[in-house]
Amino acid sequence: KGRFTISRDNAKNNVTLQMNALKPEDTAVYYC
């Protein structure tokens, strides 16, 4: 919270995850 932002654009059939201020503990495989 406060670092990541989720958004979607239904017209473009797309969802995004903006990740800022990344930390080593964020290391992972990310799945939509």
All heavy atoms as atom14 arrays in JSON, in Angstrom:
{
  "sequence": "KGRFTISRDNAKNNVTLQMNALKPEDTAVYYC",
  "atom14_mask": [
    [1, 1, 1, 1, 1, 1, 1, 1, 1, 0, 0, 0, 0, 0],
    [1, 1, 1, 1, 0, 0, 0, 0, 0, 0, 0, 0, 0, 0],
    [1, 1, 1, 1, 1, 1, 1, 1, 1, 1, 1, 0, 0, 0],
    [1, 1, 1, 1, 1, 1, 1, 1, 1, 1, 1, 0, 0, 0],
    [1, 1, 1, 1, 1, 1, 1, 0, 0, 0, 0, 0, 0, 0],
    [1, 1, 1, 1, 1, 1, 1, 1, 0, 0, 0, 0, 0, 0],
    [1, 1, 1, 1, 1, 1, 0, 0, 0, 0, 0, 0, 0, 0],
    [1, 1, 1, 1, 1, 1, 1, 1, 1, 1, 1, 0, 0, 0],
    [1, 1, 1, 1, 1, 1, 1, 1, 0, 0, 0, 0, 0, 0],
    [1, 1, 1, 1, 1, 1, 1, 1, 0, 0, 0, 0, 0, 0],
    [1, 1, 1, 1, 1, 0, 0, 0, 0, 0, 0, 0, 0, 0],
    [1, 1, 1, 1, 1, 1, 1, 1, 1, 0, 0, 0, 0, 0],
    [1, 1, 1, 1, 1, 1, 1, 1, 0, 0, 0, 0, 0, 0],
    [1, 1, 1, 1, 1, 1, 1, 1, 0, 0, 0, 0, 0, 0],
    [1, 1, 1, 1, 1, 1, 1, 0, 0, 0, 0, 0, 0, 0],
    [1, 1, 1, 1, 1, 1, 1, 0, 0, 0, 0, 0, 0, 0],
    [1, 1, 1, 1, 1, 1, 1, 1, 0, 0, 0, 0, 0, 0],
    [1, 1, 1, 1, 1, 1, 1, 1, 1, 0, 0, 0, 0, 0],
    [1, 1, 1, 1, 1, 1, 1, 1, 0, 0, 0, 0, 0, 0],
    [1, 1, 1, 1, 1, 1, 1, 1, 0, 0, 0, 0, 0, 0],
    [1, 1, 1, 1, 1, 0, 0, 0, 0, 0, 0, 0, 0, 0],
    [1, 1, 1, 1, 1, 1, 1, 1, 0, 0, 0, 0, 0, 0],
    [1, 1, 1, 1, 1, 1, 1, 1, 1, 0, 0, 0, 0, 0],
    [1, 1, 1, 1, 1, 1, 1, 0, 0, 0, 0, 0, 0, 0],
    [1, 1, 1, 1, 1, 1, 1, 1, 1, 0, 0, 0, 0, 0],
    [1, 1, 1, 1, 1, 1, 1, 1, 0, 0, 0, 0, 0, 0],
    [1, 1, 1, 1, 1, 1, 1, 0, 0, 0, 0, 0, 0, 0],
    [1, 1, 1, 1, 1, 0, 0, 0, 0, 0, 0, 0, 0, 0],
    [1, 1, 1, 1, 1, 1, 1, 0, 0, 0, 0, 0, 0, 0],
    [1, 1, 1, 1, 1, 1, 1, 1, 1, 1, 1, 1, 0, 0],
    [1, 1, 1, 1, 1, 1, 1, 1, 1, 1, 1, 1, 0, 0],
    [1, 1, 1, 1, 1, 1, 0, 0, 0, 0, 0, 0, 0, 0]
  ],
  "atom14_positions": [
    [[0.83, -1.2, 0.0], [0.0, 0.0, 0.0], [0.87, 1.26, 0.0], [1.81, 1.37, 0.77], [-0.93, -0.02, 1.21], [-2.02, 1.04, 1.18], [-2.99, 0.85, 2.35], [-3.71, -0.48, 2.25], [-4.72, -0.65, 3.33], [0.0, 0.0, 0.0], [0.0, 0.0, 0.0], [0.0, 0.0, 0.0], [0.0, 0.0, 0.0], [0.0, 0.0, 0.0]],
    [[0.53, 2.17, -0.89], [1.3, 3.39, -1.03], [2.43, 3.3, -2.01], [3.0, 4.33, -2.41], [0.0, 0.0, 0.0], [0.0, 0.0, 0.0], [0.0, 0.0, 0.0], [0.0, 0.0, 0.0], [0.0, 0.0, 0.0], [0.0, 0.0, 0.0], [0.0, 0.0, 0.0], [0.0, 0.0, 0.0], [0.0, 0.0, 0.0], [0.0, 0.0, 0.0]],
    [[2.79, 2.09, -2.43], [3.87, 1.89, -3.38], [3.39, 1.34, -4.72], [3.94, 1.68, -5.76], [4.92, 0.94, -2.8], [5.55, 1.43, -1.51], [6.72, 0.53, -1.09], [6.28, -0.84, -0.82], [6.72, -1.91, -1.46], [7.63, -1.78, -2.42], [6.28, -3.12, -1.14], [0.0, 0.0, 0.0], [0.0, 0.0, 0.0], [0.0, 0.0, 0.0]],
    [[2.38, 0.5, -4.68], [1.85, -0.14, -5.88], [0.51, 0.48, -6.25], [-0.27, 0.87, -5.38], [1.65, -1.64, -5.68], [2.91, -2.45, -5.55], [4.14, -1.84, -5.39], [2.85, -3.83, -5.6], [5.3, -2.59, -5.27], [4.0, -4.59, -5.47], [5.22, -3.96, -5.31], [0.0, 0.0, 0.0], [0.0, 0.0, 0.0], [0.0, 0.0, 0.0]],
    [[0.22, 0.52, -7.55], [-1.05, 1.01, -8.05], [-1.59, 0.06, -9.1], [-0.89, -0.23, -10.08], [-0.92, 2.41, -8.64], [-0.41, 3.31, -7.66], [-2.28, 2.92, -9.11], [0.0, 0.0, 0.0], [0.0, 0.0, 0.0], [0.0, 0.0, 0.0], [0.0, 0.0, 0.0], [0.0, 0.0, 0.0], [0.0, 0.0, 0.0], [0.0, 0.0, 0.0]],
    [[-2.8, -0.42, -8.91], [-3.46, -1.25, -9.89], [-4.46, -0.41, -10.67], [-5.13, 0.46, -10.1], [-4.15, -2.47, -9.24], [-4.67, -3.44, -10.31], [-5.26, -2.04, -8.31], [-5.19, -4.76, -9.73], [0.0, 0.0, 0.0], [0.0, 0.0, 0.0], [0.0, 0.0, 0.0], [0.0, 0.0, 0.0], [0.0, 0.0, 0.0], [0.0, 0.0, 0.0]],
    [[-4.56, -0.65, -11.96], [-5.51, 0.07, -12.79], [-5.93, -0.82, -13.95], [-5.27, -1.82, -14.26], [-4.92, 1.39, -13.3], [-3.78, 1.15, -14.11], [0.0, 0.0, 0.0], [0.0, 0.0, 0.0], [0.0, 0.0, 0.0], [0.0, 0.0, 0.0], [0.0, 0.0, 0.0], [0.0, 0.0, 0.0], [0.0, 0.0, 0.0], [0.0, 0.0, 0.0]],
    [[-7.03, -0.45, -14.57], [-7.5, -1.22, -15.71], [-8.06, -0.28, -16.77], [-8.58, 0.8, -16.46], [-8.54, -2.27, -15.3], [-9.87, -1.7, -14.84], [-10.76, -2.8, -14.25], [-11.09, -3.82, -15.22], [-11.59, -5.02, -14.91], [-11.8, -5.34, -13.64], [-11.86, -5.89, -15.88], [0.0, 0.0, 0.0], [0.0, 0.0, 0.0], [0.0, 0.0, 0.0]],
    [[-7.98, -0.72, -17.99], [-8.54, 0.0, -19.13], [-9.36, -1.02, -19.89], [-8.83, -1.79, -20.69], [-7.45, 0.61, -19.99], [-8.0, 1.5, -21.09], [-9.17, 1.34, -21.47], [-7.25, 2.37, -21.57], [0.0, 0.0, 0.0], [0.0, 0.0, 0.0], [0.0, 0.0, 0.0], [0.0, 0.0, 0.0], [0.0, 0.0, 0.0], [0.0, 0.0, 0.0]],
    [[-10.65, -1.03, -19.63], [-11.5, -2.04, -20.25], [-11.58, -1.9, -21.76], [-11.74, -2.89, -22.48], [-12.9, -1.99, -19.64], [-12.92, -2.46, -18.2], [-12.03, -3.17, -17.76], [-13.95, -2.06, -17.46], [0.0, 0.0, 0.0], [0.0, 0.0, 0.0], [0.0, 0.0, 0.0], [0.0, 0.0, 0.0], [0.0, 0.0, 0.0], [0.0, 0.0, 0.0]],
    [[-11.47, -0.67, -22.25], [-11.51, -0.46, -23.69], [-10.32, -1.11, -24.38], [-10.42, -1.51, -25.54], [-11.56, 1.03, -24.01], [0.0, 0.0, 0.0], [0.0, 0.0, 0.0], [0.0, 0.0, 0.0], [0.0, 0.0, 0.0], [0.0, 0.0, 0.0], [0.0, 0.0, 0.0], [0.0, 0.0, 0.0], [0.0, 0.0, 0.0], [0.0, 0.0, 0.0]],
    [[-9.2, -1.2, -23.68], [-8.0, -1.81, -24.23], [-7.76, -3.23, -23.73], [-6.74, -3.84, -24.04], [-6.78, -0.95, -23.92], [-6.83, 0.44, -24.54], [-5.58, 1.24, -24.22], [-5.63, 2.61, -24.87], [-4.42, 3.41, -24.55], [0.0, 0.0, 0.0], [0.0, 0.0, 0.0], [0.0, 0.0, 0.0], [0.0, 0.0, 0.0], [0.0, 0.0, 0.0]],
    [[-8.67, -3.74, -22.92], [-8.54, -5.09, -22.36], [-7.2, -5.27, -21.66], [-6.45, -6.21, -21.93], [-8.71, -6.15, -23.45], [-10.13, -6.22, -23.98], [-11.07, -5.75, -23.36], [-10.29, -6.81, -25.15], [0.0, 0.0, 0.0], [0.0, 0.0, 0.0], [0.0, 0.0, 0.0], [0.0, 0.0, 0.0], [0.0, 0.0, 0.0], [0.0, 0.0, 0.0]],
    [[-6.91, -4.37, -20.74], [-5.61, -4.37, -20.1], [-5.72, -3.99, -18.63], [-6.53, -3.13, -18.26], [-4.69, -3.38, -20.82], [-3.28, -3.37, -20.25], [-2.52, -4.31, -20.44], [-2.94, -2.29, -19.56], [0.0, 0.0, 0.0], [0.0, 0.0, 0.0], [0.0, 0.0, 0.0], [0.0, 0.0, 0.0], [0.0, 0.0, 0.0], [0.0, 0.0, 0.0]],
    [[-4.93, -4.63, -17.8], [-4.79, -4.26, -16.4], [-3.3, -4.12, -16.1], [-2.49, -4.92, -16.6], [-5.47, -5.27, -15.46], [-4.87, -6.66, -15.62], [-5.39, -4.81, -14.02], [0.0, 0.0, 0.0], [0.0, 0.0, 0.0], [0.0, 0.0, 0.0], [0.0, 0.0, 0.0], [0.0, 0.0, 0.0], [0.0, 0.0, 0.0], [0.0, 0.0, 0.0]],
    [[-2.94, -3.12, -15.33], [-1.54, -2.86, -15.04], [-1.29, -2.82, -13.54], [-2.2, -2.6, -12.74], [-1.07, -1.54, -15.66], [-1.79, -0.45, -15.06], [-1.29, -1.53, -17.16], [0.0, 0.0, 0.0], [0.0, 0.0, 0.0], [0.0, 0.0, 0.0], [0.0, 0.0, 0.0], [0.0, 0.0, 0.0], [0.0, 0.0, 0.0], [0.0, 0.0, 0.0]],
    [[-0.05, -3.05, -13.17], [0.4, -2.89, -11.8], [1.65, -2.04, -11.83], [2.71, -2.5, -12.26], [0.68, -4.24, -11.14], [1.05, -4.18, -9.66], [-0.15, -3.75, -8.82], [1.58, -5.53, -9.18], [0.0, 0.0, 0.0], [0.0, 0.0, 0.0], [0.0, 0.0, 0.0], [0.0, 0.0, 0.0], [0.0, 0.0, 0.0], [0.0, 0.0, 0.0]],
    [[1.52, -0.79, -11.4], [2.65, 0.1, -11.29], [3.3, -0.1, -9.94], [2.65, 0.05, -8.91], [2.21, 1.56, -11.46], [3.32, 2.58, -11.31], [4.34, 2.49, -12.42], [3.98, 2.4, -13.59], [5.62, 2.51, -12.07], [0.0, 0.0, 0.0], [0.0, 0.0, 0.0], [0.0, 0.0, 0.0], [0.0, 0.0, 0.0], [0.0, 0.0, 0.0]],
    [[4.57, -0.45, -9.93], [5.29, -0.77, -8.71], [6.41, 0.24, -8.52], [7.34, 0.29, -9.33], [5.84, -2.19, -8.74], [4.78, -3.25, -9.03], [5.42, -4.94, -8.93], [6.57, -4.91, -10.31], [0.0, 0.0, 0.0], [0.0, 0.0, 0.0], [0.0, 0.0, 0.0], [0.0, 0.0, 0.0], [0.0, 0.0, 0.0], [0.0, 0.0, 0.0]],
    [[6.32, 1.02, -7.46], [7.33, 2.02, -7.14], [7.99, 1.68, -5.81], [7.47, 0.9, -5.02], [6.7, 3.41, -7.06], [6.09, 3.87, -8.36], [6.59, 3.57, -9.44], [5.0, 4.62, -8.26], [0.0, 0.0, 0.0], [0.0, 0.0, 0.0], [0.0, 0.0, 0.0], [0.0, 0.0, 0.0], [0.0, 0.0, 0.0], [0.0, 0.0, 0.0]],
    [[9.13, 2.3, -5.58], [9.87, 2.1, -4.33], [10.03, 0.62, -4.01], [9.78, 0.17, -2.9], [9.18, 2.83, -3.18], [0.0, 0.0, 0.0], [0.0, 0.0, 0.0], [0.0, 0.0, 0.0], [0.0, 0.0, 0.0], [0.0, 0.0, 0.0], [0.0, 0.0, 0.0], [0.0, 0.0, 0.0], [0.0, 0.0, 0.0], [0.0, 0.0, 0.0]],
    [[10.46, -0.13, -5.0], [10.56, -1.58, -4.85], [11.6, -1.97, -3.81], [12.63, -1.31, -3.65], [10.89, -2.21, -6.19], [9.7, -2.3, -7.15], [10.17, -2.53, -8.58], [8.76, -3.41, -6.71], [0.0, 0.0, 0.0], [0.0, 0.0, 0.0], [0.0, 0.0, 0.0], [0.0, 0.0, 0.0], [0.0, 0.0, 0.0], [0.0, 0.0, 0.0]],
    [[11.3, -3.06, -3.12], [12.15, -3.6, -2.08], [12.56, -5.02, -2.44], [11.85, -5.7, -3.18], [11.41, -3.61, -0.74], [10.85, -2.28, -0.31], [10.02, -2.43, 0.95], [9.43, -1.1, 1.39], [8.59, -1.25, 2.61], [0.0, 0.0, 0.0], [0.0, 0.0, 0.0], [0.0, 0.0, 0.0], [0.0, 0.0, 0.0], [0.0, 0.0, 0.0]],
    [[13.69, -5.5, -1.91], [14.08, -6.89, -2.2], [13.0, -7.9, -1.86], [12.87, -8.92, -2.55], [15.33, -7.08, -1.34], [15.92, -5.71, -1.25], [14.73, -4.79, -1.16], [0.0, 0.0, 0.0], [0.0, 0.0, 0.0], [0.0, 0.0, 0.0], [0.0, 0.0, 0.0], [0.0, 0.0, 0.0], [0.0, 0.0, 0.0], [0.0, 0.0, 0.0]],
    [[12.22, -7.64, -0.83], [11.16, -8.57, -0.45], [10.0, -8.6, -1.44], [9.11, -9.43, -1.31], [10.63, -8.26, 0.96], [10.28, -6.8, 1.17], [11.4, -6.02, 1.86], [12.57, -6.18, 1.44], [11.1, -5.26, 2.8], [0.0, 0.0, 0.0], [0.0, 0.0, 0.0], [0.0, 0.0, 0.0], [0.0, 0.0, 0.0], [0.0, 0.0, 0.0]],
    [[10.0, -7.7, -2.42], [9.02, -7.76, -3.49], [9.38, -8.79, -4.56], [8.58, -9.04, -5.46], [8.85, -6.39, -4.15], [8.28, -5.34, -3.22], [7.35, -5.67, -2.45], [8.75, -4.2, -3.25], [0.0, 0.0, 0.0], [0.0, 0.0, 0.0], [0.0, 0.0, 0.0], [0.0, 0.0, 0.0], [0.0, 0.0, 0.0], [0.0, 0.0, 0.0]],
    [[10.57, -9.35, -4.48], [11.01, -10.33, -5.47], [10.08, -11.53, -5.47], [9.85, -12.16, -4.44], [12.45, -10.76, -5.18], [13.32, -9.65, -5.33], [12.88, -11.87, -6.13], [0.0, 0.0, 0.0], [0.0, 0.0, 0.0], [0.0, 0.0, 0.0], [0.0, 0.0, 0.0], [0.0, 0.0, 0.0], [0.0, 0.0, 0.0], [0.0, 0.0, 0.0]],
    [[9.55, -11.86, -6.64], [8.61, -12.96, -6.77], [8.21, -13.11, -8.23], [8.52, -12.25, -9.06], [7.36, -12.73, -5.91], [0.0, 0.0, 0.0], [0.0, 0.0, 0.0], [0.0, 0.0, 0.0], [0.0, 0.0, 0.0], [0.0, 0.0, 0.0], [0.0, 0.0, 0.0], [0.0, 0.0, 0.0], [0.0, 0.0, 0.0], [0.0, 0.0, 0.0]],
    [[7.51, -14.18, -8.52], [6.81, -14.3, -9.79], [5.44, -13.67, -9.61], [4.72, -14.01, -8.67], [6.68, -15.76, -10.25], [5.86, -15.84, -11.54], [8.05, -16.38, -10.45], [0.0, 0.0, 0.0], [0.0, 0.0, 0.0], [0.0, 0.0, 0.0], [0.0, 0.0, 0.0], [0.0, 0.0, 0.0], [0.0, 0.0, 0.0], [0.0, 0.0, 0.0]],
    [[5.09, -12.76, -10.49], [3.82, -12.05, -10.4], [2.85, -12.6, -11.44], [3.21, -12.78, -12.6], [4.03, -10.55, -10.61], [4.61, -9.86, -9.4], [5.92, -10.08, -9.02], [3.82, -9.01, -8.62], [6.45, -9.47, -7.9], [4.35, -8.39, -7.5], [5.65, -8.62, -7.14], [6.18, -8.0, -6.02], [0.0, 0.0, 0.0], [0.0, 0.0, 0.0]],
    [[1.62, -12.83, -11.0], [0.59, -13.41, -11.84], [-0.62, -12.48, -11.92], [-1.06, -11.93, -10.91], [0.11, -14.75, -11.29], [1.16, -15.82, -11.21], [1.94, -15.96, -10.08], [1.36, -16.7, -12.27], [2.9, -16.95, -9.99], [2.31, -17.7, -12.18], [3.07, -17.82, -11.04], [4.01, -18.81, -10.97], [0.0, 0.0, 0.0], [0.0, 0.0, 0.0]],
    [[-1.15, -12.35, -13.09], [-2.42, -11.69, -13.31], [-3.52, -12.75, -13.28], [-3.33, -13.86, -13.8], [-2.41, -10.97, -14.66], [-3.94, -10.14, -15.11], [0.0, 0.0, 0.0], [0.0, 0.0, 0.0], [0.0, 0.0, 0.0], [0.0, 0.0, 0.0], [0.0, 0.0, 0.0], [0.0, 0.0, 0.0], [0.0, 0.0, 0.0], [0.0, 0.0, 0.0]]
  ]
}
